[in-house]
Amino acid sequence: MKTDKLREMSLLRKKAHTTMLKKKSKVYEAFLKMEEAAYCAGELESKIKELIAIGISVVINCESCMQWHIEQAAQKGANEKEIMEAIEVGIEMGGGPATAHARFALEVLETLDFSKNEIKKHP
């Protein structure tokens, strides 16, 4: 059931992405450039930036963001404990409401297999 929801969210995200590109949205194209600039390696490696985004996603209760950034962090080498600590930072920063938001992040984390070296996103 969890993976069905995650798969559906991934498909909807991809569909929206494709639609925005087809419609030549200047704002969306600018957003993609900003996203690329924000997550490229700099003083902080991109894995760390993804971990920061996980904590923020928990605070703002963005399930799609949680899924995306947890999967991205795992693909960039973050392990389960690092992702869990990022979720916990989000809980601390958001207080009580963020603990409820973190439940979804925990569900996403449970769908990943850290025993393998390769983490795959939901299709």
PDB file of N, CA and C in Angstrom:
ATOM      1  N   MET A   1       0.820  -1.192   0.000  1.00  0.00           N
ATOM      2  CA  MET A   1       0.000   0.000   0.000  1.00  0.00           C
ATOM      3  C   MET A   1       0.865   1.258   0.000  1.00  0.00           C
ATOM      4  N   LYS A   2       1.898   1.274   0.845  1.00  0.00           N
ATOM      5  CA  LYS A   2       2.794   2.428   0.869  1.00  0.00           C
ATOM      6  C   LYS A   2       3.445   2.632  -0.482  1.00  0.00           C
ATOM      7  N   THR A   3       3.930   1.530  -1.063  1.00  0.00           N
ATOM      8  CA  THR A   3       4.620   1.677  -2.342  1.00  0.00           C
ATOM      9  C   THR A   3       3.668   2.101  -3.444  1.00  0.00           C
ATOM     10  N   ASP A   4       2.380   1.724  -3.360  1.00  0.00           N
ATOM     11  CA  ASP A   4       1.402   2.186  -4.345  1.00  0.00           C
ATOM     12  C   ASP A   4       1.275   3.707  -4.292  1.00  0.00           C
ATOM     13  N   LYS A   5       1.183   4.249  -3.085  1.00  0.00           N
ATOM     14  CA  LYS A   5       1.071   5.702  -2.932  1.00  0.00           C
ATOM     15  C   LYS A   5       2.325   6.380  -3.453  1.00  0.00           C
ATOM     16  N   LEU A   6       3.483   5.838  -3.128  1.00  0.00           N
ATOM     17  CA  LEU A   6       4.745   6.434  -3.576  1.00  0.00           C
ATOM     18  C   LEU A   6       4.876   6.354  -5.092  1.00  0.00           C
ATOM     19  N   ARG A   7       4.483   5.229  -5.648  1.00  0.00           N
ATOM     20  CA  ARG A   7       4.526   5.067  -7.113  1.00  0.00           C
ATOM     21  C   ARG A   7       3.606   6.087  -7.771  1.00  0.00           C
ATOM     22  N   GLU A   8       2.405   6.250  -7.233  1.00  0.00           N
ATOM     23  CA  GLU A   8       1.440   7.216  -7.774  1.00  0.00           C
ATOM     24  C   GLU A   8       1.984   8.643  -7.678  1.00  0.00           C
ATOM     25  N   MET A   9       2.600   8.978  -6.541  1.00  0.00           N
ATOM     26  CA  MET A   9       3.180  10.316  -6.386  1.00  0.00           C
ATOM     27  C   MET A   9       4.290  10.534  -7.405  1.00  0.00           C
ATOM     28  N   SER A  10       5.120   9.526  -7.620  1.00  0.00           N
ATOM     29  CA  SER A  10       6.206   9.645  -8.602  1.00  0.00           C
ATOM     30  C   SER A  10       5.650   9.842 -10.005  1.00  0.00           C
ATOM     31  N   LEU A  11       4.617   9.071 -10.348  1.00  0.00           N
ATOM     32  CA  LEU A  11       4.021   9.202 -11.677  1.00  0.00           C
ATOM     33  C   LEU A  11       3.390  10.575 -11.872  1.00  0.00           C
ATOM     34  N   LEU A  12       2.698  11.069 -10.862  1.00  0.00           N
ATOM     35  CA  LEU A  12       2.089  12.397 -10.963  1.00  0.00           C
ATOM     36  C   LEU A  12       3.160  13.489 -11.087  1.00  0.00           C
ATOM     37  N   ARG A  13       4.260  13.332 -10.347  1.00  0.00           N
ATOM     38  CA  ARG A  13       5.352  14.304 -10.421  1.00  0.00           C
ATOM     39  C   ARG A  13       5.959  14.304 -11.821  1.00  0.00           C
ATOM     40  N   LYS A  14       6.193  13.107 -12.372  1.00  0.00           N
ATOM     41  CA  LYS A  14       6.761  13.010 -13.725  1.00  0.00           C
ATOM     42  C   LYS A  14       5.813  13.582 -14.771  1.00  0.00           C
ATOM     43  N   LYS A  15       4.521  13.305 -14.618  1.00  0.00           N
ATOM     44  CA  LYS A  15       3.520  13.814 -15.560  1.00  0.00           C
ATOM     45  C   LYS A  15       3.494  15.344 -15.524  1.00  0.00           C
ATOM     46  N   ALA A  16       3.476  15.906 -14.337  1.00  0.00           N
ATOM     47  CA  ALA A  16       3.465  17.368 -14.203  1.00  0.00           C
ATOM     48  C   ALA A  16       4.738  17.969 -14.786  1.00  0.00           C
ATOM     49  N   HIS A  17       5.873  17.320 -14.532  1.00  0.00           N
ATOM     50  CA  HIS A  17       7.155  17.785 -15.067  1.00  0.00           C
ATOM     51  C   HIS A  17       7.096  17.828 -16.597  1.00  0.00           C
ATOM     52  N   THR A  18       6.642  16.733 -17.194  1.00  0.00           N
ATOM     53  CA  THR A  18       6.550  16.652 -18.654  1.00  0.00           C
ATOM     54  C   THR A  18       5.598  17.713 -19.200  1.00  0.00           C
ATOM     55  N   THR A  19       4.464  17.883 -18.544  1.00  0.00           N
ATOM     56  CA  THR A  19       3.480  18.882 -18.990  1.00  0.00           C
ATOM     57  C   THR A  19       4.062  20.291 -18.931  1.00  0.00           C
ATOM     58  N   MET A  20       4.725  20.601 -17.834  1.00  0.00           N
ATOM     59  CA  MET A  20       5.312  21.949 -17.703  1.00  0.00           C
ATOM     60  C   MET A  20       6.363  22.203 -18.777  1.00  0.00           C
ATOM     61  N   LEU A  21       7.157  21.183 -19.091  1.00  0.00           N
ATOM     62  CA  LEU A  21       8.167  21.343 -20.140  1.00  0.00           C
ATOM     63  C   LEU A  21       7.515  21.497 -21.515  1.00  0.00           C
ATOM     64  N   LYS A  22       6.488  20.703 -21.784  1.00  0.00           N
ATOM     65  CA  LYS A  22       5.779  20.800 -23.067  1.00  0.00           C
ATOM     66  C   LYS A  22       5.142  22.170 -23.249  1.00  0.00           C
ATOM     67  N   LYS A  23       4.656  22.732 -22.165  1.00  0.00           N
ATOM     68  CA  LYS A  23       4.015  24.040 -22.227  1.00  0.00           C
ATOM     69  C   LYS A  23       5.030  25.180 -22.186  1.00  0.00           C
ATOM     70  N   LYS A  24       6.304  24.793 -22.115  1.00  0.00           N
ATOM     71  CA  LYS A  24       7.412  25.758 -22.118  1.00  0.00           C
ATOM     72  C   LYS A  24       7.253  26.836 -21.029  1.00  0.00           C
ATOM     73  N   SER A  25       6.953  26.370 -19.829  1.00  0.00           N
ATOM     74  CA  SER A  25       6.798  27.283 -18.698  1.00  0.00           C
ATOM     75  C   SER A  25       8.141  27.913 -18.349  1.00  0.00           C
ATOM     76  N   LYS A  26       8.242  29.196 -18.518  1.00  0.00           N
ATOM     77  CA  LYS A  26       9.488  29.900 -18.184  1.00  0.00           C
ATOM     78  C   LYS A  26       9.759  29.843 -16.693  1.00  0.00           C
ATOM     79  N   VAL A  27       8.715  29.928 -15.893  1.00  0.00           N
ATOM     80  CA  VAL A  27       8.886  29.876 -14.441  1.00  0.00           C
ATOM     81  C   VAL A  27       9.391  28.496 -14.026  1.00  0.00           C
ATOM     82  N   TYR A  28       8.811  27.442 -14.587  1.00  0.00           N
ATOM     83  CA  TYR A  28       9.241  26.087 -14.244  1.00  0.00           C
ATOM     84  C   TYR A  28      10.672  25.841 -14.710  1.00  0.00           C
ATOM     85  N   GLU A  29      11.009  26.296 -15.902  1.00  0.00           N
ATOM     86  CA  GLU A  29      12.374  26.142 -16.400  1.00  0.00           C
ATOM     87  C   GLU A  29      13.362  26.878 -15.499  1.00  0.00           C
ATOM     88  N   ALA A  30      12.983  28.063 -15.017  1.00  0.00           N
ATOM     89  CA  ALA A  30      13.839  28.802 -14.088  1.00  0.00           C
ATOM     90  C   ALA A  30      13.970  28.049 -12.760  1.00  0.00           C
ATOM     91  N   PHE A  31      12.867  27.442 -12.315  1.00  0.00           N
ATOM     92  CA  PHE A  31      12.893  26.644 -11.094  1.00  0.00           C
ATOM     93  C   PHE A  31      13.866  25.477 -11.230  1.00  0.00           C
ATOM     94  N   LEU A  32      13.842  24.790 -12.379  1.00  0.00           N
ATOM     95  CA  LEU A  32      14.751  23.666 -12.592  1.00  0.00           C
ATOM     96  C   LEU A  32      16.212  24.110 -12.560  1.00  0.00           C
ATOM     97  N   LYS A  33      16.497  25.268 -13.114  1.00  0.00           N
ATOM     98  CA  LYS A  33      17.868  25.801 -13.059  1.00  0.00           C
ATOM     99  C   LYS A  33      18.255  26.135 -11.629  1.00  0.00           C
ATOM    100  N   MET A  34      17.307  26.727 -10.872  1.00  0.00           N
ATOM    101  CA  MET A  34      17.580  27.054  -9.474  1.00  0.00           C
ATOM    102  C   MET A  34      17.812  25.775  -8.675  1.00  0.00           C
ATOM    103  N   GLU A  35      16.988  24.753  -8.935  1.00  0.00           N
ATOM    104  CA  GLU A  35      17.138  23.471  -8.249  1.00  0.00           C
ATOM    105  C   GLU A  35      18.520  22.864  -8.530  1.00  0.00           C
ATOM    106  N   GLU A  36      18.922  22.910  -9.785  1.00  0.00           N
ATOM    107  CA  GLU A  36      20.234  22.380 -10.164  1.00  0.00           C
ATOM    108  C   GLU A  36      21.353  23.122  -9.442  1.00  0.00           C
ATOM    109  N   ALA A  37      21.239  24.434  -9.386  1.00  0.00           N
ATOM    110  CA  ALA A  37      22.257  25.243  -8.705  1.00  0.00           C
ATOM    111  C   ALA A  37      22.265  24.971  -7.201  1.00  0.00           C
ATOM    112  N   ALA A  38      21.087  24.782  -6.631  1.00  0.00           N
ATOM    113  CA  ALA A  38      20.988  24.574  -5.182  1.00  0.00           C
ATOM    114  C   ALA A  38      21.577  23.231  -4.746  1.00  0.00           C
ATOM    115  N   TYR A  39      21.422  22.198  -5.568  1.00  0.00           N
ATOM    116  CA  TYR A  39      21.830  20.858  -5.148  1.00  0.00           C
ATOM    117  C   TYR A  39      23.163  20.397  -5.716  1.00  0.00           C
ATOM    118  N   CYS A  40      23.830  21.232  -6.512  1.00  0.00           N
ATOM    119  CA  CYS A  40      25.147  20.821  -7.002  1.00  0.00           C
ATOM    120  C   CYS A  40      26.152  20.915  -5.856  1.00  0.00           C
ATOM    121  N   ALA A  41      27.203  20.144  -5.960  1.00  0.00           N
ATOM    122  CA  ALA A  41      28.235  20.153  -4.920  1.00  0.00           C
ATOM    123  C   ALA A  41      28.914  21.508  -4.876  1.00  0.00           C
ATOM    124  N   GLY A  42      29.106  21.996  -3.690  1.00  0.00           N
ATOM    125  CA  GLY A  42      29.810  23.258  -3.453  1.00  0.00           C
ATOM    126  C   GLY A  42      30.576  23.080  -2.155  1.00  0.00           C
ATOM    127  N   GLU A  43      30.429  24.024  -1.261  1.00  0.00           N
ATOM    128  CA  GLU A  43      31.033  23.855   0.071  1.00  0.00           C
ATOM    129  C   GLU A  43      30.370  22.682   0.800  1.00  0.00           C
ATOM    130  N   LEU A  44      29.094  22.463   0.512  1.00  0.00           N
ATOM    131  CA  LEU A  44      28.389  21.289   1.029  1.00  0.00           C
ATOM    132  C   LEU A  44      28.216  20.303  -0.114  1.00  0.00           C
ATOM    133  N   GLU A  45      28.476  19.031   0.148  1.00  0.00           N
ATOM    134  CA  GLU A  45      28.233  18.039  -0.892  1.00  0.00           C
ATOM    135  C   GLU A  45      26.725  17.883  -1.089  1.00  0.00           C
ATOM    136  N   SER A  46      26.331  17.431  -2.259  1.00  0.00           N
ATOM    137  CA  SER A  46      24.907  17.359  -2.584  1.00  0.00           C
ATOM    138  C   SER A  46      24.140  16.427  -1.647  1.00  0.00           C
ATOM    139  N   LYS A  47      24.769  15.404  -1.125  1.00  0.00           N
ATOM    140  CA  LYS A  47      24.104  14.521  -0.167  1.00  0.00           C
ATOM    141  C   LYS A  47      23.652  15.305   1.060  1.00  0.00           C
ATOM    142  N   ILE A  48      24.523  16.175   1.559  1.00  0.00           N
ATOM    143  CA  ILE A  48      24.196  16.981   2.743  1.00  0.00           C
ATOM    144  C   ILE A  48      23.038  17.916   2.430  1.00  0.00           C
ATOM    145  N   LYS A  49      23.042  18.497   1.245  1.00  0.00           N
ATOM    146  CA  LYS A  49      21.951  19.381   0.853  1.00  0.00           C
ATOM    147  C   LYS A  49      20.626  18.626   0.796  1.00  0.00           C
ATOM    148  N   GLU A  50      20.653  17.394   0.338  1.00  0.00           N
ATOM    149  CA  GLU A  50      19.433  16.584   0.309  1.00  0.00           C
ATOM    150  C   GLU A  50      18.958  16.277   1.733  1.00  0.00           C
ATOM    151  N   LEU A  51      19.889  16.022   2.635  1.00  0.00           N
ATOM    152  CA  LEU A  51      19.519  15.778   4.033  1.00  0.00           C
ATOM    153  C   LEU A  51      18.876  17.013   4.649  1.00  0.00           C
ATOM    154  N   ILE A  52      19.393  18.185   4.331  1.00  0.00           N
ATOM    155  CA  ILE A  52      18.781  19.438   4.803  1.00  0.00           C
ATOM    156  C   ILE A  52      17.350  19.536   4.267  1.00  0.00           C
ATOM    157  N   ALA A  53      17.186  19.224   2.985  1.00  0.00           N
ATOM    158  CA  ALA A  53      15.863  19.305   2.362  1.00  0.00           C
ATOM    159  C   ALA A  53      14.877  18.331   3.003  1.00  0.00           C
ATOM    160  N   ILE A  54      15.357  17.193   3.474  1.00  0.00           N
ATOM    161  CA  ILE A  54      14.478  16.239   4.155  1.00  0.00           C
ATOM    162  C   ILE A  54      13.903  16.884   5.413  1.00  0.00           C
ATOM    163  N   GLY A  55      14.769  17.482   6.206  1.00  0.00           N
ATOM    164  CA  GLY A  55      14.300  18.137   7.437  1.00  0.00           C
ATOM    165  C   GLY A  55      13.290  19.238   7.145  1.00  0.00           C
ATOM    166  N   ILE A  56      13.571  20.035   6.127  1.00  0.00           N
ATOM    167  CA  ILE A  56      12.647  21.099   5.748  1.00  0.00           C
ATOM    168  C   ILE A  56      11.326  20.508   5.263  1.00  0.00           C
ATOM    169  N   SER A  57      11.389  19.433   4.497  1.00  0.00           N
ATOM    170  CA  SER A  57      10.175  18.790   3.975  1.00  0.00           C
ATOM    171  C   SER A  57       9.270  18.303   5.095  1.00  0.00           C
ATOM    172  N   VAL A  58       9.882  17.788   6.166  1.00  0.00           N
ATOM    173  CA  VAL A  58       9.099  17.346   7.320  1.00  0.00           C
ATOM    174  C   VAL A  58       8.408  18.548   7.959  1.00  0.00           C
ATOM    175  N   VAL A  59       9.134  19.639   8.137  1.00  0.00           N
ATOM    176  CA  VAL A  59       8.565  20.828   8.788  1.00  0.00           C
ATOM    177  C   VAL A  59       7.399  21.392   7.983  1.00  0.00           C
ATOM    178  N   ILE A  60       7.528  21.427   6.657  1.00  0.00           N
ATOM    179  CA  ILE A  60       6.458  22.020   5.843  1.00  0.00           C
ATOM    180  C   ILE A  60       5.405  21.002   5.433  1.00  0.00           C
ATOM    181  N   ASN A  61       5.584  19.736   5.837  1.00  0.00           N
ATOM    182  CA  ASN A  61       4.643  18.657   5.566  1.00  0.00           C
ATOM    183  C   ASN A  61       4.370  18.476   4.073  1.00  0.00           C
ATOM    184  N   CYS A  62       5.437  18.404   3.297  1.00  0.00           N
ATOM    185  CA  CYS A  62       5.314  18.181   1.855  1.00  0.00           C
ATOM    186  C   CYS A  62       5.684  16.720   1.580  1.00  0.00           C
ATOM    187  N   GLU A  63       4.673  15.865   1.437  1.00  0.00           N
ATOM    188  CA  GLU A  63       4.926  14.443   1.246  1.00  0.00           C
ATOM    189  C   GLU A  63       5.718  14.166  -0.022  1.00  0.00           C
ATOM    190  N   SER A  64       5.365  14.843  -1.102  1.00  0.00           N
ATOM    191  CA  SER A  64       6.099  14.651  -2.352  1.00  0.00           C
ATOM    192  C   SER A  64       7.561  15.059  -2.169  1.00  0.00           C
ATOM    193  N   CYS A  65       7.784  16.140  -1.440  1.00  0.00           N
ATOM    194  CA  CYS A  65       9.157  16.596  -1.169  1.00  0.00           C
ATOM    195  C   CYS A  65       9.913  15.571  -0.329  1.00  0.00           C
ATOM    196  N   MET A  66       9.246  15.038   0.698  1.00  0.00           N
ATOM    197  CA  MET A  66       9.890  14.036   1.546  1.00  0.00           C
ATOM    198  C   MET A  66      10.319  12.840   0.698  1.00  0.00           C
ATOM    199  N   GLN A  67       9.398  12.343  -0.117  1.00  0.00           N
ATOM    200  CA  GLN A  67       9.720  11.184  -0.950  1.00  0.00           C
ATOM    201  C   GLN A  67      10.907  11.504  -1.854  1.00  0.00           C
ATOM    202  N   TRP A  68      10.830  12.608  -2.569  1.00  0.00           N
ATOM    203  CA  TRP A  68      11.874  12.978  -3.530  1.00  0.00           C
ATOM    204  C   TRP A  68      13.228  13.107  -2.849  1.00  0.00           C
ATOM    205  N   HIS A  69      13.285  13.873  -1.758  1.00  0.00           N
ATOM    206  CA  HIS A  69      14.578  14.152  -1.136  1.00  0.00           C
ATOM    207  C   HIS A  69      15.140  12.952  -0.370  1.00  0.00           C
ATOM    208  N   ILE A  70      14.279  12.109   0.186  1.00  0.00           N
ATOM    209  CA  ILE A  70      14.775  10.882   0.830  1.00  0.00           C
ATOM    210  C   ILE A  70      15.389   9.977  -0.228  1.00  0.00           C
ATOM    211  N   GLU A  71      14.697   9.804  -1.338  1.00  0.00           N
ATOM    212  CA  GLU A  71      15.231   8.953  -2.405  1.00  0.00           C
ATOM    213  C   GLU A  71      16.499   9.556  -3.015  1.00  0.00           C
ATOM    214  N   GLN A  72      16.512  10.871  -3.205  1.00  0.00           N
ATOM    215  CA  GLN A  72      17.703  11.525  -3.744  1.00  0.00           C
ATOM    216  C   GLN A  72      18.886  11.386  -2.788  1.00  0.00           C
ATOM    217  N   ALA A  73      18.646  11.595  -1.502  1.00  0.00           N
ATOM    218  CA  ALA A  73      19.718  11.464  -0.508  1.00  0.00           C
ATOM    219  C   ALA A  73      20.281  10.045  -0.511  1.00  0.00           C
ATOM    220  N   ALA A  74      19.400   9.058  -0.561  1.00  0.00           N
ATOM    221  CA  ALA A  74      19.854   7.660  -0.580  1.00  0.00           C
ATOM    222  C   ALA A  74      20.679   7.389  -1.829  1.00  0.00           C
ATOM    223  N   GLN A  75      20.235   7.891  -2.966  1.00  0.00           N
ATOM    224  CA  GLN A  75      20.988   7.687  -4.213  1.00  0.00           C
ATOM    225  C   GLN A  75      22.343   8.384  -4.164  1.00  0.00           C
ATOM    226  N   LYS A  76      22.446   9.441  -3.390  1.00  0.00           N
ATOM    227  CA  LYS A  76      23.717  10.173  -3.288  1.00  0.00           C
ATOM    228  C   LYS A  76      24.577   9.654  -2.144  1.00  0.00           C
ATOM    229  N   GLY A  77      24.185   8.513  -1.574  1.00  0.00           N
ATOM    230  CA  GLY A  77      25.033   7.851  -0.596  1.00  0.00           C
ATOM    231  C   GLY A  77      24.624   7.990   0.851  1.00  0.00           C
ATOM    232  N   ALA A  78      23.530   8.675   1.140  1.00  0.00           N
ATOM    233  CA  ALA A  78      23.093   8.784   2.531  1.00  0.00           C
ATOM    234  C   ALA A  78      22.607   7.423   3.006  1.00  0.00           C
ATOM    235  N   ASN A  79      22.944   7.095   4.236  1.00  0.00           N
ATOM    236  CA  ASN A  79      22.476   5.828   4.780  1.00  0.00           C
ATOM    237  C   ASN A  79      21.219   6.053   5.613  1.00  0.00           C
ATOM    238  N   GLU A  80      20.656   4.970   6.073  1.00  0.00           N
ATOM    239  CA  GLU A  80      19.395   5.045   6.815  1.00  0.00           C
ATOM    240  C   GLU A  80      19.513   5.903   8.073  1.00  0.00           C
ATOM    241  N   LYS A  81      20.620   5.777   8.789  1.00  0.00           N
ATOM    242  CA  LYS A  81      20.803   6.557  10.024  1.00  0.00           C
ATOM    243  C   LYS A  81      20.913   8.051   9.721  1.00  0.00           C
ATOM    244  N   GLU A  82      21.608   8.416   8.645  1.00  0.00           N
ATOM    245  CA  GLU A  82      21.721   9.830   8.279  1.00  0.00           C
ATOM    246  C   GLU A  82      20.355  10.403   7.919  1.00  0.00           C
ATOM    247  N   ILE A  83      19.580   9.643   7.159  1.00  0.00           N
ATOM    248  CA  ILE A  83      18.245  10.105   6.776  1.00  0.00           C
ATOM    249  C   ILE A  83      17.360  10.223   8.017  1.00  0.00           C
ATOM    250  N   MET A  84      17.456   9.263   8.910  1.00  0.00           N
ATOM    251  CA  MET A  84      16.673   9.320  10.146  1.00  0.00           C
ATOM    252  C   MET A  84      17.029  10.554  10.957  1.00  0.00           C
ATOM    253  N   GLU A  85      18.298  10.896  11.038  1.00  0.00           N
ATOM    254  CA  GLU A  85      18.704  12.093  11.784  1.00  0.00           C
ATOM    255  C   GLU A  85      18.168  13.359  11.125  1.00  0.00           C
ATOM    256  N   ALA A  86      18.126  13.390   9.798  1.00  0.00           N
ATOM    257  CA  ALA A  86      17.551  14.543   9.096  1.00  0.00           C
ATOM    258  C   ALA A  86      16.060  14.662   9.410  1.00  0.00           C
ATOM    259  N   ILE A  87      15.350  13.533   9.457  1.00  0.00           N
ATOM    260  CA  ILE A  87      13.935  13.538   9.833  1.00  0.00           C
ATOM    261  C   ILE A  87      13.786  14.064  11.254  1.00  0.00           C
ATOM    262  N   GLU A  88      14.667  13.618  12.147  1.00  0.00           N
ATOM    263  CA  GLU A  88      14.603  14.047  13.543  1.00  0.00           C
ATOM    264  C   GLU A  88      14.869  15.537  13.698  1.00  0.00           C
ATOM    265  N   VAL A  89      15.774  16.085  12.903  1.00  0.00           N
ATOM    266  CA  VAL A  89      16.014  17.535  12.942  1.00  0.00           C
ATOM    267  C   VAL A  89      14.741  18.265  12.516  1.00  0.00           C
ATOM    268  N   GLY A  90      14.076  17.754  11.485  1.00  0.00           N
ATOM    269  CA  GLY A  90      12.808  18.347  11.071  1.00  0.00           C
ATOM    270  C   GLY A  90      11.774  18.308  12.177  1.00  0.00           C
ATOM    271  N   ILE A  91      11.703  17.184  12.889  1.00  0.00           N
ATOM    272  CA  ILE A  91      10.769  17.068  14.011  1.00  0.00           C
ATOM    273  C   ILE A  91      11.077  18.130  15.057  1.00  0.00           C
ATOM    274  N   GLU A  92      12.348  18.273  15.410  1.00  0.00           N
ATOM    275  CA  GLU A  92      12.730  19.257  16.432  1.00  0.00           C
ATOM    276  C   GLU A  92      12.388  20.667  15.985  1.00  0.00           C
ATOM    277  N   MET A  93      12.672  20.980  14.736  1.00  0.00           N
ATOM    278  CA  MET A  93      12.426  22.337  14.243  1.00  0.00           C
ATOM    279  C   MET A  93      10.938  22.637  14.122  1.00  0.00           C
ATOM    280  N   GLY A  94      10.140  21.613  13.844  1.00  0.00           N
ATOM    281  CA  GLY A  94       8.708  21.824  13.659  1.00  0.00           C
ATOM    282  C   GLY A  94       7.870  21.543  14.887  1.00  0.00           C
ATOM    283  N   GLY A  95       8.481  20.973  15.925  1.00  0.00           N
ATOM    284  CA  GLY A  95       7.736  20.670  17.143  1.00  0.00           C
ATOM    285  C   GLY A  95       6.712  19.572  16.938  1.00  0.00           C
ATOM    286  N   GLY A  96       5.654  19.612  17.729  1.00  0.00           N
ATOM    287  CA  GLY A  96       4.621  18.582  17.720  1.00  0.00           C
ATOM    288  C   GLY A  96       4.035  18.293  16.345  1.00  0.00           C
ATOM    289  N   PRO A  97       3.616  19.316  15.582  1.00  0.00           N
ATOM    290  CA  PRO A  97       3.047  19.020  14.272  1.00  0.00           C
ATOM    291  C   PRO A  97       4.019  18.279  13.354  1.00  0.00           C
ATOM    292  N   ALA A  98       5.299  18.567  13.461  1.00  0.00           N
ATOM    293  CA  ALA A  98       6.275  17.911  12.592  1.00  0.00           C
ATOM    294  C   ALA A  98       6.417  16.431  12.926  1.00  0.00           C
ATOM    295  N   THR A  99       6.129  16.036  14.164  1.00  0.00           N
ATOM    296  CA  THR A  99       6.192  14.607  14.479  1.00  0.00           C
ATOM    297  C   THR A  99       5.117  13.860  13.698  1.00  0.00           C
ATOM    298  N   ALA A 100       3.961  14.490  13.519  1.00  0.00           N
ATOM    299  CA  ALA A 100       2.911  13.877  12.702  1.00  0.00           C
ATOM    300  C   ALA A 100       3.325  13.854  11.239  1.00  0.00           C
ATOM    301  N   HIS A 101       3.941  14.916  10.749  1.00  0.00           N
ATOM    302  CA  HIS A 101       4.402  14.973   9.365  1.00  0.00           C
ATOM    303  C   HIS A 101       5.465  13.920   9.105  1.00  0.00           C
ATOM    304  N   ALA A 102       6.315  13.678  10.093  1.00  0.00           N
ATOM    305  CA  ALA A 102       7.423  12.739   9.931  1.00  0.00           C
ATOM    306  C   ALA A 102       6.949  11.315   9.711  1.00  0.00           C
ATOM    307  N   ARG A 103       5.718  11.016  10.057  1.00  0.00           N
ATOM    308  CA  ARG A 103       5.211   9.656   9.862  1.00  0.00           C
ATOM    309  C   ARG A 103       5.316   9.243   8.400  1.00  0.00           C
ATOM    310  N   PHE A 104       5.013  10.167   7.492  1.00  0.00           N
ATOM    311  CA  PHE A 104       5.115   9.848   6.067  1.00  0.00           C
ATOM    312  C   PHE A 104       6.569   9.616   5.680  1.00  0.00           C
ATOM    313  N   ALA A 105       7.472  10.464   6.165  1.00  0.00           N
ATOM    314  CA  ALA A 105       8.895  10.297   5.866  1.00  0.00           C
ATOM    315  C   ALA A 105       9.378   8.929   6.321  1.00  0.00           C
ATOM    316  N   LEU A 106       8.909   8.478   7.467  1.00  0.00           N
ATOM    317  CA  LEU A 106       9.293   7.158   7.965  1.00  0.00           C
ATOM    318  C   LEU A 106       8.767   6.054   7.052  1.00  0.00           C
ATOM    319  N   GLU A 107       7.558   6.233   6.510  1.00  0.00           N
ATOM    320  CA  GLU A 107       7.021   5.249   5.577  1.00  0.00           C
ATOM    321  C   GLU A 107       7.877   5.153   4.319  1.00  0.00           C
ATOM    322  N   VAL A 108       8.318   6.305   3.801  1.00  0.00           N
ATOM    323  CA  VAL A 108       9.187   6.304   2.620  1.00  0.00           C
ATOM    324  C   VAL A 108      10.490   5.592   2.947  1.00  0.00           C
ATOM    325  N   LEU A 109      11.082   5.932   4.071  1.00  0.00           N
ATOM    326  CA  LEU A 109      12.350   5.331   4.480  1.00  0.00           C
ATOM    327  C   LEU A 109      12.230   3.814   4.566  1.00  0.00           C
ATOM    328  N   GLU A 110      11.100   3.317   5.044  1.00  0.00           N
ATOM    329  CA  GLU A 110      10.901   1.873   5.172  1.00  0.00           C
ATOM    330  C   GLU A 110      10.846   1.157   3.825  1.00  0.00           C
ATOM    331  N   THR A 111      10.573   1.879   2.742  1.00  0.00           N
ATOM    332  CA  THR A 111      10.485   1.232   1.429  1.00  0.00           C
ATOM    333  C   THR A 111      11.847   1.060   0.768  1.00  0.00           C
ATOM    334  N   LEU A 112      12.885   1.666   1.321  1.00  0.00           N
ATOM    335  CA  LEU A 112      14.214   1.579   0.723  1.00  0.00           C
ATOM    336  C   LEU A 112      14.997   0.421   1.318  1.00  0.00           C
ATOM    337  N   ASP A 113      15.812  -0.208   0.496  1.00  0.00           N
ATOM    338  CA  ASP A 113      16.635  -1.325   0.933  1.00  0.00           C
ATOM    339  C   ASP A 113      18.085  -0.860   0.996  1.00  0.00           C
ATOM    340  N   PHE A 114      18.575  -0.632   2.202  1.00  0.00           N
ATOM    341  CA  PHE A 114      19.938  -0.143   2.382  1.00  0.00           C
ATOM    342  C   PHE A 114      20.955  -1.272   2.417  1.00  0.00           C
ATOM    343  N   SER A 115      20.502  -2.515   2.298  1.00  0.00           N
ATOM    344  CA  SER A 115      21.441  -3.629   2.298  1.00  0.00           C
ATOM    345  C   SER A 115      22.153  -3.763   0.960  1.00  0.00           C
ATOM    346  N   LYS A 116      21.625  -3.100  -0.058  1.00  0.00           N
ATOM    347  CA  LYS A 116      22.240  -3.106  -1.385  1.00  0.00           C
ATOM    348  C   LYS A 116      22.953  -1.777  -1.590  1.00  0.00           C
ATOM    349  N   ASN A 117      23.901  -1.738  -2.466  1.00  0.00           N
ATOM    350  CA  ASN A 117      24.622  -0.498  -2.747  1.00  0.00           C
ATOM    351  C   ASN A 117      23.839   0.434  -3.652  1.00  0.00           C
ATOM    352  N   GLU A 118      22.821  -0.086  -4.315  1.00  0.00           N
ATOM    353  CA  GLU A 118      22.071   0.707  -5.276  1.00  0.00           C
ATOM    354  C   GLU A 118      20.675   0.983  -4.750  1.00  0.00           C
ATOM    355  N   ILE A 119      20.319   2.263  -4.654  1.00  0.00           N
ATOM    356  CA  ILE A 119      18.983   2.651  -4.217  1.00  0.00           C
ATOM    357  C   ILE A 119      18.217   3.093  -5.443  1.00  0.00           C
ATOM    358  N   LYS A 120      17.052   2.506  -5.656  1.00  0.00           N
ATOM    359  CA  LYS A 120      16.245   2.853  -6.824  1.00  0.00           C
ATOM    360  C   LYS A 120      15.040   3.677  -6.385  1.00  0.00           C
ATOM    361  N   LYS A 121      14.724   4.684  -7.183  1.00  0.00           N
ATOM    362  CA  LYS A 121      13.537   5.488  -6.942  1.00  0.00           C
ATOM    363  C   LYS A 121      12.316   4.701  -7.411  1.00  0.00           C
ATOM    364  N   HIS A 122      11.168   5.125  -6.930  1.00  0.00           N
ATOM    365  CA  HIS A 122       9.923   4.533  -7.410  1.00  0.00           C
ATOM    366  C   HIS A 122       9.693   5.019  -8.838  1.00  0.00           C
ATOM    367  N   PRO A 123       9.231   4.121  -9.715  1.00  0.00           N
ATOM    368  CA  PRO A 123       9.053   4.482 -11.128  1.00  0.00           C
ATOM    369  C   PRO A 123       8.092   5.633 -11.333  1.00  0.00           C
TER     370      PRO A 123
END
